[in-house]
């Protein structure tokens, strides 16, 4: 049956919804991919993720090629031209196919009168490509980051900022977590190798494997039976710091989509786990992940700042607080973060983190462990947040993760390693809050 859709027009609309309406790419894409062939699903993802990864370069090119920006109802054509430029620059799609499909997108977007304009801009780019790319290499757009974020990364990491930016702009590795309740890592790796694929073991986390080549989850042995989970190795680190034990009461706060909830239960199957998140829709993913892995936790919707509403006066042996954050450590997985975040968000997020920490600390039993984690690389959300907390709580002791002056462990995004992540492990020394 002949396709009745135009993939380039779909990509243009998705990019427009992210940039103009502030919608999340990971929330938008699944609906748009439904009904597409596997090949087209992959191409749509490549176009949308790729455009948002290199957006400043594409914007700069369009500025050189067009006298006036396209605005209002014609804005989607601006994004359609981006789709064309991205294909010419970053894919192996034959030029004639990239051009004809992109130009046809103008018809599908009900702007047939602009077919000539789209075609003309793309052909002009083809002619000028070597010269334009040479000039672009010396322009600030080459970092593919908004200025405010680039400045923050440079201030926080004056020695490492270039490697952070390069890692953010790269494609992420695909990390897996072997369910040790079902197989040893070596046994599952042998099953993987029997399918013609291979993976590298992590040096410290027993169950972590990095695939040599990313693939769809349906090709992973036993995925639907819960033998393995897709989870970045830095995210896996949260549960290693938490060190959950059987028969403990454990709170997983800000739990969606459930990767850490299921990891806790794989480590301690007899633990009593309460998974809480403020987002009702994302809690559905927690339930799905628990079902696939045949695990059980209590799931509640609730605000981390008001624990009395979802756990009464219950106290916990361990709390994992994967705090709401800027997500600046996972940009390579979610390039739309660069364009959805604003500079002023950082201070607001730091305030929210502080409120949640203050609210849940009294819920930790004496001698209990709280692991504070974020997928951020910004000190305001991480080391500064914990330093401030320790200064106000005499009953909080930092364990194994840094010192009072530089509290916590900060992982930076690593091309072959994990995402950017921060952990601080706190133990409560008495029942009395300072």
Protein backbone atom coordinates (compact mmCIF):
# COMPACT_ATOMS: atom_id res chain seq x y z
CA UNK A 1 0.00 0.00 0.00
CA UNK A 2 1.33 3.42 -0.93
CA UNK A 3 2.22 5.81 1.90
CA UNK A 4 -0.37 8.55 2.33
CA UNK A 5 1.79 10.63 4.65
CA UNK A 6 4.80 12.88 4.10
CA UNK A 7 7.45 12.26 6.74
CA UNK A 8 9.18 15.62 6.20
CA UNK A 9 6.00 17.58 6.87
CA UNK A 10 5.41 15.56 10.05
CA UNK A 11 8.97 16.34 11.20
CA UNK A 12 8.48 20.06 10.47
CA UNK A 13 5.30 20.13 12.56
CA UNK A 14 6.88 18.27 15.48
CA UNK A 15 9.90 20.61 15.56
CA UNK A 16 7.52 23.58 15.44
CA UNK A 17 5.51 22.24 18.40
CA UNK A 18 8.71 21.93 20.44
CA UNK A 19 10.15 25.33 19.55
CA UNK A 20 6.98 27.43 19.34
CA UNK A 21 4.72 25.68 21.86
CA UNK A 22 7.33 24.43 24.35
CA UNK A 23 6.26 20.79 24.07
CA UNK A 24 8.58 17.90 24.92
CA UNK A 25 9.92 15.86 22.01
CA UNK A 26 9.67 12.58 23.94
CA UNK A 27 6.00 13.34 24.67
CA UNK A 28 5.20 14.29 21.06
CA UNK A 29 7.01 11.64 19.04
CA UNK A 30 5.20 8.41 20.06
CA UNK A 31 1.84 9.70 18.77
CA UNK A 32 3.40 10.84 15.50
CA UNK A 33 5.21 7.52 15.01
CA UNK A 34 2.10 5.41 15.51
CA UNK A 35 1.13 3.60 12.32
CA UNK A 36 4.45 4.25 10.59
CA UNK A 37 6.74 1.48 9.37
CA UNK A 38 9.76 0.71 11.57
CA UNK A 39 12.02 2.36 8.98
CA UNK A 40 9.92 5.53 8.89
CA UNK A 41 9.65 5.67 12.69
CA UNK A 42 13.44 5.60 12.87
CA UNK A 43 13.79 8.29 10.18
CA UNK A 44 11.26 10.60 11.85
CA UNK A 45 13.15 10.25 15.13
CA UNK A 46 16.48 10.93 13.40
CA UNK A 47 15.12 14.08 11.72
CA UNK A 48 13.50 15.53 14.86
CA UNK A 49 16.30 14.70 17.29
CA UNK A 50 18.96 15.71 14.78
CA UNK A 51 17.42 19.10 13.97
CA UNK A 52 17.10 19.98 17.67
CA UNK A 53 20.68 18.84 18.25
CA UNK A 54 22.18 21.19 15.62
CA UNK A 55 19.43 23.85 15.58
CA UNK A 56 21.67 26.99 15.77
CA UNK A 57 23.64 25.88 12.72
CA UNK A 58 20.45 25.35 10.68
CA UNK A 59 19.03 28.70 11.83
CA UNK A 60 22.27 30.44 10.84
CA UNK A 61 22.22 28.82 7.39
CA UNK A 62 18.64 29.92 6.77
CA UNK A 63 19.57 33.49 7.77
CA UNK A 64 22.28 33.48 5.11
CA UNK A 65 19.95 32.06 2.44
CA UNK A 66 16.77 34.09 3.01
CA UNK A 67 16.30 37.84 3.19
CA UNK A 68 13.32 37.62 5.56
CA UNK A 69 12.30 34.95 8.12
CA UNK A 70 9.04 33.07 7.59
CA UNK A 71 6.57 33.99 10.30
CA UNK A 72 2.95 33.43 11.29
CA UNK A 73 1.13 30.70 9.37
CA UNK A 74 4.16 30.17 7.17
CA UNK A 75 6.40 29.31 10.14
CA UNK A 76 6.02 25.56 9.55
CA UNK A 77 7.70 26.07 6.14
CA UNK A 78 10.70 27.50 7.99
CA UNK A 79 10.97 24.19 9.86
CA UNK A 80 10.40 22.27 6.63
CA UNK A 81 13.44 23.99 5.12
CA UNK A 82 15.38 22.93 8.25
CA UNK A 83 14.31 19.34 7.58
CA UNK A 84 15.72 19.67 4.05
CA UNK A 85 18.99 21.20 5.25
CA UNK A 86 19.45 18.54 7.91
CA UNK A 87 19.04 15.76 5.34
CA UNK A 88 21.60 17.35 3.01
CA UNK A 89 24.10 17.87 5.83
CA UNK A 90 23.71 14.86 8.09
CA UNK A 91 22.03 11.92 6.34
CA UNK A 92 22.86 9.56 3.50
CA UNK A 93 19.46 10.03 1.90
CA UNK A 94 20.01 10.56 -1.86
CA UNK A 95 19.88 14.27 -2.66
CA UNK A 96 17.07 13.95 -5.22
CA UNK A 97 14.90 12.04 -2.69
CA UNK A 98 15.63 14.50 0.12
CA UNK A 99 14.73 17.46 -2.09
CA UNK A 100 11.61 16.02 -3.75
CA UNK A 101 10.13 14.70 -0.47
CA UNK A 102 10.83 17.99 1.34
CA UNK A 103 9.34 20.10 -1.46
CA UNK A 104 6.29 17.80 -1.50
CA UNK A 105 5.96 18.55 2.21
CA UNK A 106 4.89 22.10 1.30
CA UNK A 107 1.89 20.66 -0.55
CA UNK A 108 0.93 18.44 2.40
CA UNK A 109 1.23 21.50 4.68
CA UNK A 110 -1.29 23.25 2.38
CA UNK A 111 1.27 25.74 1.04
CA UNK A 112 1.66 24.49 -2.56
CA UNK A 113 2.42 28.04 -3.71
CA UNK A 114 5.64 27.91 -1.65
CA UNK A 115 7.04 24.75 -3.27
CA UNK A 116 9.30 26.88 -5.46
CA UNK A 117 10.63 28.83 -2.50
CA UNK A 118 11.51 25.67 -0.54
CA UNK A 119 13.15 24.13 -3.59
CA UNK A 120 15.06 27.33 -4.37
CA UNK A 121 16.46 27.75 -0.83
CA UNK A 122 17.62 24.12 -0.69
CA UNK A 123 19.23 24.24 -4.14
CA UNK A 124 20.94 27.52 -3.24
CA UNK A 125 22.30 25.82 -0.13
CA UNK A 126 23.64 22.98 -2.24
CA UNK A 127 25.56 25.43 -4.42
CA UNK A 128 26.94 27.42 -1.47
CA UNK A 129 27.41 24.54 0.98
CA UNK A 130 31.26 24.43 1.11
CA UNK A 131 31.57 28.18 1.66
CA UNK A 132 28.67 28.34 4.15
CA UNK A 133 30.01 25.45 6.23
CA UNK A 134 33.45 27.05 6.35
CA UNK A 135 31.95 30.27 7.69
CA UNK A 136 29.67 28.38 10.11
CA UNK A 137 32.70 26.64 11.63
CA UNK A 138 33.88 30.03 12.96
CA UNK A 139 30.48 31.23 14.16
CA UNK A 140 29.24 30.87 17.77
CA UNK A 141 26.42 28.66 16.48
CA UNK A 142 29.02 25.87 16.09
CA UNK A 143 28.53 24.90 19.75
CA UNK A 144 24.84 24.08 19.14
CA UNK A 145 23.89 25.51 22.58
CA UNK A 146 21.97 28.66 23.58
CA UNK A 147 24.30 31.36 24.90
CA UNK A 148 22.92 31.38 28.46
CA UNK A 149 23.52 27.63 28.85
CA UNK A 150 26.95 27.73 27.24
CA UNK A 151 27.92 30.53 29.67
CA UNK A 152 26.71 28.51 32.68
CA UNK A 153 28.63 25.41 31.59
CA UNK A 154 31.79 27.48 31.00
CA UNK A 155 31.53 29.09 34.45
CA UNK A 156 30.85 25.81 36.25
CA UNK A 157 33.43 23.76 34.33
CA UNK A 158 36.14 26.09 32.96
CA UNK A 159 38.49 23.16 32.25
CA UNK A 160 35.94 20.65 30.94
CA UNK A 161 33.30 22.76 29.19
CA UNK A 162 34.41 21.86 25.65
CA UNK A 163 34.26 18.14 26.31
CA UNK A 164 30.83 18.56 27.97
CA UNK A 165 29.49 20.44 24.95
CA UNK A 166 30.96 17.86 22.57
CA UNK A 167 29.35 15.03 24.57
CA UNK A 168 26.00 16.87 24.60
CA UNK A 169 26.13 17.13 20.80
CA UNK A 170 27.00 13.45 20.26
CA UNK A 171 24.64 10.50 19.94
CA UNK A 172 24.28 8.74 23.30
CA UNK A 173 25.42 5.17 23.90
CA UNK A 174 22.73 2.60 24.74
CA UNK A 175 23.18 1.18 28.24
CA UNK A 176 21.34 -1.85 29.59
CA UNK A 177 20.66 -3.19 33.07
CA UNK A 178 20.59 -6.97 33.34
CA UNK A 179 17.99 -8.27 35.80
CA UNK A 180 20.20 -10.28 38.16
CA UNK A 181 17.11 -11.99 39.57
CA UNK A 182 16.83 -13.79 36.22
CA UNK A 183 20.40 -14.10 34.84
CA UNK A 184 23.98 -13.31 35.66
CA UNK A 185 25.39 -10.55 33.47
CA UNK A 186 27.66 -13.07 31.71
CA UNK A 187 24.77 -15.46 31.03
CA UNK A 188 22.61 -12.73 29.49
CA UNK A 189 25.58 -11.38 27.52
CA UNK A 190 26.02 -14.85 26.01
CA UNK A 191 22.35 -14.78 24.91
CA UNK A 192 22.95 -11.38 23.33
CA UNK A 193 26.08 -12.56 21.54
CA UNK A 194 24.13 -15.50 20.13
CA UNK A 195 21.99 -12.96 18.25
CA UNK A 196 25.10 -11.46 16.62
CA UNK A 197 25.27 -8.41 18.89
CA UNK A 198 27.84 -7.50 21.51
CA UNK A 199 28.21 -5.27 24.55
CA UNK A 200 30.88 -4.05 26.97
CA UNK A 201 30.65 -4.58 30.71
CA UNK A 202 30.96 -1.66 33.11
CA UNK A 203 34.00 -1.70 35.40
CA UNK A 204 32.06 -1.01 38.63
CA UNK A 205 28.36 -1.74 38.18
CA UNK A 206 27.88 -5.48 37.81
CA UNK A 207 24.59 -5.43 35.90
CA UNK A 208 25.48 -2.60 33.46
CA UNK A 209 26.27 -3.29 29.79
CA UNK A 210 26.88 -0.86 26.92
CA UNK A 211 25.70 -2.09 23.52
CA UNK A 212 28.30 -1.73 20.78
CA UNK A 213 25.48 -0.69 18.43
CA UNK A 214 22.10 0.63 19.66
CA UNK A 215 19.09 -1.44 18.57
CA UNK A 216 15.32 -1.63 19.05
CA UNK A 217 14.36 -3.25 22.37
CA UNK A 218 12.42 -6.06 20.67
CA UNK A 219 15.78 -7.47 19.52
CA UNK A 220 17.11 -7.77 23.09
CA UNK A 221 16.82 -11.35 24.45
CA UNK A 222 13.99 -11.61 26.96
CA UNK A 223 13.14 -7.90 27.00
CA UNK A 224 9.39 -8.50 27.18
CA UNK A 225 9.94 -11.09 29.95
CA UNK A 226 11.85 -8.57 32.07
CA UNK A 227 15.35 -10.01 31.66
CA UNK A 228 16.86 -6.63 30.77
CA UNK A 229 16.01 -2.92 30.99
CA UNK A 230 17.28 0.06 29.00
CA UNK A 231 18.81 2.47 31.55
CA UNK A 232 21.84 4.71 31.43
CA UNK A 233 24.69 3.58 33.67
CA UNK A 234 24.70 6.88 35.60
CA UNK A 235 21.02 6.41 36.45
CA UNK A 236 21.88 2.88 37.61
CA UNK A 237 24.42 4.48 39.97
CA UNK A 238 21.58 5.95 42.09
CA UNK A 239 20.52 2.55 43.39
CA UNK A 240 24.10 1.49 44.04
CA UNK A 241 24.54 4.50 46.32
CA UNK A 242 21.17 3.74 47.94
CA UNK A 243 22.13 0.07 48.60
CA UNK A 244 18.56 -1.14 49.32
CA UNK A 245 18.02 -4.20 51.53
CA UNK A 246 15.21 -6.73 51.86
CA UNK A 247 12.44 -6.04 54.40
CA UNK A 248 13.12 -2.28 54.44
CA UNK A 249 10.60 0.51 53.85
CA UNK A 250 11.94 2.45 50.87
CA UNK A 251 10.62 5.65 49.28
CA UNK A 252 11.36 6.33 45.62
CA UNK A 253 10.38 9.98 45.21
CA UNK A 254 9.93 11.57 41.76
CA UNK A 255 9.87 7.95 40.59
CA UNK A 256 8.52 8.16 37.01
CA UNK A 257 9.11 6.48 34.63
CA UNK A 258 10.14 3.75 37.07
CA UNK A 259 13.64 2.68 36.06
CA UNK A 260 14.99 3.23 39.56
CA UNK A 261 11.89 1.73 41.24
CA UNK A 262 12.40 -1.53 39.38
CA UNK A 263 16.16 -1.45 40.01
CA UNK A 264 15.54 -1.13 43.78
CA UNK A 265 13.29 -4.21 43.65
CA UNK A 266 15.75 -6.21 41.56
CA UNK A 267 18.35 -5.51 44.28
CA UNK A 268 15.97 -6.08 47.21
CA UNK A 269 12.92 -8.10 46.06
CA UNK A 270 11.49 -8.23 49.62
CA UNK A 271 11.69 -4.47 50.19
CA UNK A 272 8.46 -2.51 50.67
CA UNK A 273 8.73 0.21 48.04
CA UNK A 274 6.53 3.30 47.76
CA UNK A 275 6.94 5.03 44.37
CA UNK A 276 5.63 8.61 44.26
CA UNK A 277 5.49 11.12 41.42
CA UNK A 278 3.56 14.34 40.85
CA UNK A 279 2.73 13.46 37.22
CA UNK A 280 -0.23 11.07 37.01
CA UNK A 281 0.36 10.32 33.31
CA UNK A 282 4.02 9.42 33.82
CA UNK A 283 3.05 7.11 36.70
CA UNK A 284 1.42 4.89 34.06
CA UNK A 285 4.96 4.17 32.83
CA UNK A 286 5.98 3.09 36.34
CA UNK A 287 3.12 0.56 36.33
CA UNK A 288 4.11 -0.71 32.87
CA UNK A 289 7.73 -1.18 33.91
CA UNK A 290 6.75 -3.02 37.09
CA UNK A 291 4.41 -5.30 35.12
CA UNK A 292 7.05 -6.15 32.50
CA UNK A 293 9.54 -7.04 35.23
CA UNK A 294 6.88 -8.84 37.33
CA UNK A 295 7.65 -6.71 40.37
CA UNK A 296 5.41 -4.99 42.93
CA UNK A 297 5.52 -1.53 44.49
CA UNK A 298 2.88 0.78 45.94
CA UNK A 299 2.35 3.67 43.51
CA UNK A 300 0.94 7.04 44.54
CA UNK A 301 0.50 10.39 42.85
CA UNK A 302 1.71 13.23 45.04
CA UNK A 303 3.77 16.37 45.52
CA UNK A 304 7.17 15.79 47.13
CA UNK A 305 6.72 19.00 49.15
CA UNK A 306 3.65 17.56 50.93
CA UNK A 307 4.46 14.01 52.06
CA UNK A 308 1.69 14.04 54.67
CA UNK A 309 -0.79 13.83 51.78
CA UNK A 310 0.58 10.53 50.42
CA UNK A 311 2.29 8.73 53.31
CA UNK A 312 0.76 10.17 56.48
CA UNK A 313 3.39 9.97 59.22
CA UNK A 314 5.18 6.90 57.78
CA UNK A 315 8.97 6.84 58.02
CA UNK A 316 11.43 5.08 55.74
CA UNK A 317 14.71 3.22 56.07
CA UNK A 318 15.91 4.62 52.75
CA UNK A 319 14.78 7.44 50.47
CA UNK A 320 15.85 7.94 46.87
CA UNK A 321 15.12 11.53 45.82
CA UNK A 322 15.77 11.85 42.10
CA UNK A 323 14.97 15.55 42.27
CA UNK A 324 13.31 17.64 39.53
CA UNK A 325 16.17 19.39 37.75
CA UNK A 326 17.35 21.18 34.61
CA UNK A 327 18.32 17.82 33.01
CA UNK A 328 21.50 19.46 31.70
CA UNK A 329 23.33 16.13 32.12
CA UNK A 330 21.10 14.28 29.64
CA UNK A 331 21.03 16.76 26.73
CA UNK A 332 22.48 14.16 24.37
CA UNK A 333 19.37 12.02 25.00
CA UNK A 334 16.93 14.96 24.99
CA UNK A 335 18.32 17.74 22.76
CA UNK A 336 15.07 19.69 23.11
CA UNK A 337 16.15 20.52 26.69
CA UNK A 338 18.46 23.18 25.22
CA UNK A 339 15.48 25.02 23.74
CA UNK A 340 12.82 24.29 26.38
CA UNK A 341 14.87 25.46 29.39
CA UNK A 342 15.38 29.12 30.29
CA UNK A 343 18.13 30.73 32.35
CA UNK A 344 15.67 31.73 35.09
CA UNK A 345 14.51 28.10 35.46
CA UNK A 346 17.69 27.14 37.35
CA UNK A 347 16.98 29.27 40.43
CA UNK A 348 13.34 28.12 40.46
CA UNK A 349 14.38 24.46 40.26
CA UNK A 350 16.91 24.95 43.08
CA UNK A 351 14.12 26.40 45.26
CA UNK A 352 11.86 23.44 44.48
CA UNK A 353 14.65 20.94 45.27
CA UNK A 354 15.27 22.66 48.61
CA UNK A 355 11.56 22.51 49.52
CA UNK A 356 11.34 18.78 48.69
CA UNK A 357 14.52 17.95 50.62
CA UNK A 358 13.23 19.84 53.68
CA UNK A 359 9.84 18.13 53.48
CA UNK A 360 11.09 14.52 53.18
CA UNK A 361 14.07 14.62 55.57
CA UNK A 362 11.79 14.19 58.64
CA UNK A 363 10.39 11.03 56.95
CA UNK A 364 13.79 9.32 57.19
CA UNK A 365 14.34 7.05 60.21
CA UNK A 366 17.33 7.60 62.50
CA UNK A 367 20.24 5.76 60.92
CA UNK A 368 18.45 5.81 57.57
CA UNK A 369 19.97 6.75 54.20
CA UNK A 370 18.77 9.41 51.75
CA UNK A 371 20.33 9.60 48.29
CA UNK A 372 19.83 12.94 46.58
CA UNK A 373 20.35 12.64 42.82
CA UNK A 374 19.87 14.82 39.75
CA UNK A 375 20.64 14.46 36.04
CA UNK A 376 22.10 17.99 36.13
CA UNK A 377 25.67 19.25 35.85
CA UNK A 378 24.99 22.68 37.41
CA UNK A 379 26.37 23.36 40.94
CA UNK A 380 23.31 25.37 42.04
CA UNK A 381 21.22 22.19 41.84
CA UNK A 382 23.91 19.85 43.14
CA UNK A 383 26.92 20.55 45.37
CA UNK A 384 25.64 24.01 46.42
CA UNK A 385 22.21 22.56 47.22
CA UNK A 386 23.70 19.87 49.47
CA UNK A 387 26.23 22.22 51.10
CA UNK A 388 23.34 24.51 52.03
CA UNK A 389 21.29 21.56 53.37
CA UNK A 390 24.17 20.27 55.52
CA UNK A 391 24.71 23.75 56.99
CA UNK A 392 21.12 23.69 58.30
CA UNK A 393 20.92 20.06 59.49
CA UNK A 394 23.23 18.85 62.25
CA UNK A 395 21.58 15.41 62.01
CA UNK A 396 22.65 14.95 58.36
CA UNK A 397 25.98 13.25 57.72
CA UNK A 398 27.50 13.06 54.25
CA UNK A 399 28.71 9.52 53.52
CA UNK A 400 31.15 8.31 50.81
CA UNK A 401 30.31 11.17 48.46
CA UNK A 402 32.70 14.10 48.68
CA UNK A 403 33.25 16.34 51.73
CA UNK A 404 31.61 19.31 53.45
CA UNK A 405 33.32 21.81 51.14
CA UNK A 406 32.62 19.92 47.92
CA UNK A 407 29.77 17.56 48.75
CA UNK A 408 28.55 14.92 46.35
CA UNK A 409 29.83 13.02 43.34
CA UNK A 410 29.44 14.76 39.97
CA UNK A 411 29.53 12.68 36.79
CA UNK A 412 29.93 14.58 33.53
CA UNK A 413 28.50 13.21 30.26
CA UNK A 414 30.99 10.78 28.77
CA UNK A 415 30.91 9.76 25.07
CA UNK A 416 31.42 6.08 25.92
CA UNK A 417 30.23 6.27 29.53
CA UNK A 418 27.23 7.53 31.42
CA UNK A 419 25.15 10.70 31.32
CA UNK A 420 25.81 13.71 33.52
CA UNK A 421 24.59 12.88 37.03
CA UNK A 422 25.03 14.02 40.62
CA UNK A 423 24.71 11.94 43.80
CA UNK A 424 24.92 12.81 47.50
CA UNK A 425 24.44 10.11 50.14
CA UNK A 426 23.16 11.42 53.49
CA UNK A 427 22.69 9.42 56.70
CA UNK A 428 20.47 10.65 59.54
CA UNK A 429 22.41 10.57 62.82
CA UNK A 430 19.50 11.26 65.19
CA UNK A 431 15.77 11.91 65.24
CA UNK A 432 16.17 15.59 66.07
CA UNK A 433 16.21 18.05 63.21
CA UNK A 434 18.50 21.02 63.61
